[in-house]
C-alpha atoms as a PDB file:
ATOM      1  CA  MET A   1      14.978  18.320 -18.525  1.00  0.00           C
ATOM      2  CA  LYS A   2      13.517  15.214 -19.892  1.00  0.00           C
ATOM      3  CA  ILE A   3      16.751  13.198 -18.446  1.00  0.00           C
ATOM      4  CA  ILE A   4      15.877  14.378 -15.032  1.00  0.00           C
ATOM      5  CA  LYS A   5      12.122  13.182 -15.672  1.00  0.00           C
ATOM      6  CA  LYS A   6      13.298   9.972 -17.118  1.00  0.00           C
ATOM      7  CA  ILE A   7      15.757   9.362 -13.899  1.00  0.00           C
ATOM      8  CA  LEU A   8      12.535  10.309 -11.521  1.00  0.00           C
ATOM      9  CA  LYS A   9      10.042   8.143 -13.431  1.00  0.00           C
ATOM     10  CA  SER A  10      13.514   5.431 -13.101  1.00  0.00           C
ATOM     11  CA  PHE A  11      12.902   5.989  -9.411  1.00  0.00           C
ATOM     12  CA  LEU A  12       9.539   5.880  -9.105  1.00  0.00           C
ATOM     13  CA  ASN A  13       9.223   2.444 -10.893  1.00  0.00           C
ATOM     14  CA  PHE A  14      11.981   1.275  -8.476  1.00  0.00           C
ATOM     15  CA  PHE A  15       9.908   1.967  -5.225  1.00  0.00           C
ATOM     16  CA  LEU A  16       7.097   0.220  -7.000  1.00  0.00           C
ATOM     17  CA  LEU A  17       8.619  -2.964  -7.896  1.00  0.00           C
ATOM     18  CA  SER A  18      10.149  -2.645  -4.347  1.00  0.00           C
ATOM     19  CA  ALA A  19       6.896  -2.167  -2.999  1.00  0.00           C
ATOM     20  CA  LEU A  20       5.428  -4.427  -4.917  1.00  0.00           C
ATOM     21  CA  VAL A  21       7.859  -7.402  -4.003  1.00  0.00           C
ATOM     22  CA  HIS A  22       7.511  -6.369   0.256  1.00  0.00           C
ATOM     23  CA  ILE A  23       3.680  -7.039  -0.319  1.00  0.00           C
ATOM     24  CA  GLY A  24       4.162 -10.336  -2.304  1.00  0.00           C
ATOM     25  CA  VAL A  25       6.603 -11.415   0.871  1.00  0.00           C
ATOM     26  CA  LEU A  26       3.908 -10.639   3.340  1.00  0.00           C
ATOM     27  CA  ILE A  27       1.458 -12.415   1.490  1.00  0.00           C
ATOM     28  CA  ILE A  28       3.937 -15.179   1.350  1.00  0.00           C
ATOM     29  CA  SER A  29       4.429 -15.023   5.446  1.00  0.00           C
ATOM     30  CA  THR A  30       0.548 -14.834   5.664  1.00  0.00           C
ATOM     31  CA  ILE A  31       0.134 -18.206   4.241  1.00  0.00           C
ATOM     32  CA  LYS A  32       2.904 -19.709   5.893  1.00  0.00           C
ATOM     33  CA  ASN A  33       2.689 -18.927   9.034  1.00  0.00           C
ATOM     34  CA  GLY A  34      -1.555 -18.639   8.932  1.00  0.00           C
ATOM     35  CA  ASP A  35      -1.254 -14.942  10.917  1.00  0.00           C
ATOM     36  CA  ILE A  36      -3.171 -11.931   8.979  1.00  0.00           C
ATOM     37  CA  LYS A  37      -1.618  -9.748  11.102  1.00  0.00           C
ATOM     38  CA  TYR A  38       1.642  -9.779   8.410  1.00  0.00           C
ATOM     39  CA  LEU A  39      -0.947  -7.851   5.978  1.00  0.00           C
ATOM     40  CA  ASN A  40      -2.383  -5.238   8.878  1.00  0.00           C
ATOM     41  CA  TYR A  41      -1.766  -1.992   6.765  1.00  0.00           C
ATOM     42  CA  PHE A  42      -0.273  -0.159  10.523  1.00  0.00           C
ATOM     43  CA  ARG A  43       2.451  -3.118  10.679  1.00  0.00           C
ATOM     44  CA  ILE A  44       3.372  -2.766   6.784  1.00  0.00           C
ATOM     45  CA  ILE A  45       3.823   0.813   7.412  1.00  0.00           C
ATOM     46  CA  GLY A  46       5.834   1.161  10.362  1.00  0.00           C
ATOM     47  CA  LEU A  47       3.641   2.348  12.683  1.00  0.00           C
ATOM     48  CA  GLU A  48       4.364  -0.054  15.291  1.00  0.00           C
ATOM     49  CA  GLU A  49       7.960   1.469  15.547  1.00  0.00           C
ATOM     50  CA  PHE A  50       5.869   4.118  17.300  1.00  0.00           C
ATOM     51  CA  TRP A  51       2.614   2.568  19.008  1.00  0.00           C
ATOM     52  CA  PRO A  52       4.420  -1.069  19.364  1.00  0.00           C
ATOM     53  CA  ARG A  53       0.571  -2.435  20.115  1.00  0.00           C
ATOM     54  CA  ILE A  54      -1.215  -0.764  17.207  1.00  0.00           C
ATOM     55  CA  SER A  55      -1.935  -3.763  15.075  1.00  0.00           C
ATOM     56  CA  ASN A  56      -2.463  -6.401  18.019  1.00  0.00           C
ATOM     57  CA  THR A  57      -6.207  -6.316  18.012  1.00  0.00           C
ATOM     58  CA  SER A  58      -9.214  -7.345  15.751  1.00  0.00           C
ATOM     59  CA  LEU A  59     -10.567  -3.972  15.758  1.00  0.00           C
ATOM     60  CA  SER A  60      -6.904  -2.396  14.310  1.00  0.00           C
ATOM     61  CA  ASP A  61      -7.435  -5.071  12.122  1.00  0.00           C
ATOM     62  CA  PHE A  62     -10.752  -3.171  10.641  1.00  0.00           C
ATOM     63  CA  ILE A  63      -9.338  -0.031  10.602  1.00  0.00           C
ATOM     64  CA  SER A  64      -6.372  -1.262   8.597  1.00  0.00           C
ATOM     65  CA  LEU A  65      -8.316  -2.640   6.362  1.00  0.00           C
ATOM     66  CA  SER A  66     -10.867  -0.047   5.961  1.00  0.00           C
ATOM     67  CA  ILE A  67      -8.092   2.544   5.587  1.00  0.00           C
ATOM     68  CA  MET A  68      -6.521   0.417   2.671  1.00  0.00           C
ATOM     69  CA  VAL A  69     -10.028  -0.098   0.711  1.00  0.00           C
ATOM     70  CA  ILE A  70     -10.575   3.881   1.192  1.00  0.00           C
ATOM     71  CA  ILE A  71      -6.971   4.700   0.106  1.00  0.00           C
ATOM     72  CA  VAL A  72      -7.559   2.120  -3.133  1.00  0.00           C
ATOM     73  CA  LEU A  73     -10.699   3.638  -3.669  1.00  0.00           C
ATOM     74  CA  GLY A  74      -9.399   7.596  -3.799  1.00  0.00           C
ATOM     75  CA  PHE A  75      -6.378   6.473  -6.375  1.00  0.00           C
ATOM     76  CA  LEU A  76      -9.550   4.839  -8.044  1.00  0.00           C
ATOM     77  CA  VAL A  77     -11.813   7.789  -8.513  1.00  0.00           C
ATOM     78  CA  ILE A  78      -8.791   9.694  -9.094  1.00  0.00           C
ATOM     79  CA  SER A  79      -8.092   7.325 -12.329  1.00  0.00           C
ATOM     80  CA  LEU A  80     -11.562   7.476 -13.426  1.00  0.00           C
ATOM     81  CA  ARG A  81     -11.689  10.977 -13.168  1.00  0.00           C
ATOM     82  CA  LYS A  82      -8.730  11.189 -15.442  1.00  0.00           C
ATOM     83  CA  LYS A  83     -10.615   9.191 -18.017  1.00  0.00           C
ATOM     84  CA  ILE A  84     -13.470  10.827 -17.672  1.00  0.00           C
ATOM     85  CA  GLU A  85     -12.215  14.186 -18.304  1.00  0.00           C
ATOM     86  CA  ARG A  86     -10.371  13.162 -21.038  1.00  0.00           C
ATOM     87  CA  LEU A  87     -13.630  11.869 -23.163  1.00  0.00           C
ATOM     88  CA  VAL A  88     -15.214  15.041 -22.580  1.00  0.00           C
END
């Protein structure tokens, strides 16, 4: 059972590394081309395949940023909750 956990953890680490490299490439593309649209969350997760114009407006950029902030804050709250529970 321990080997399966190690294999799964290795895959999760692989996906995390790939995501970090992908975000790095997007940041470099944004700087190189001067277009913030590369960092639009809807574009990053591929929703443009289903809704081609979803990332073309300023409202989309605002909603995208809002969703990213909410996700980060959600993970932060989960992380802090676990640390607080350990202290109690």
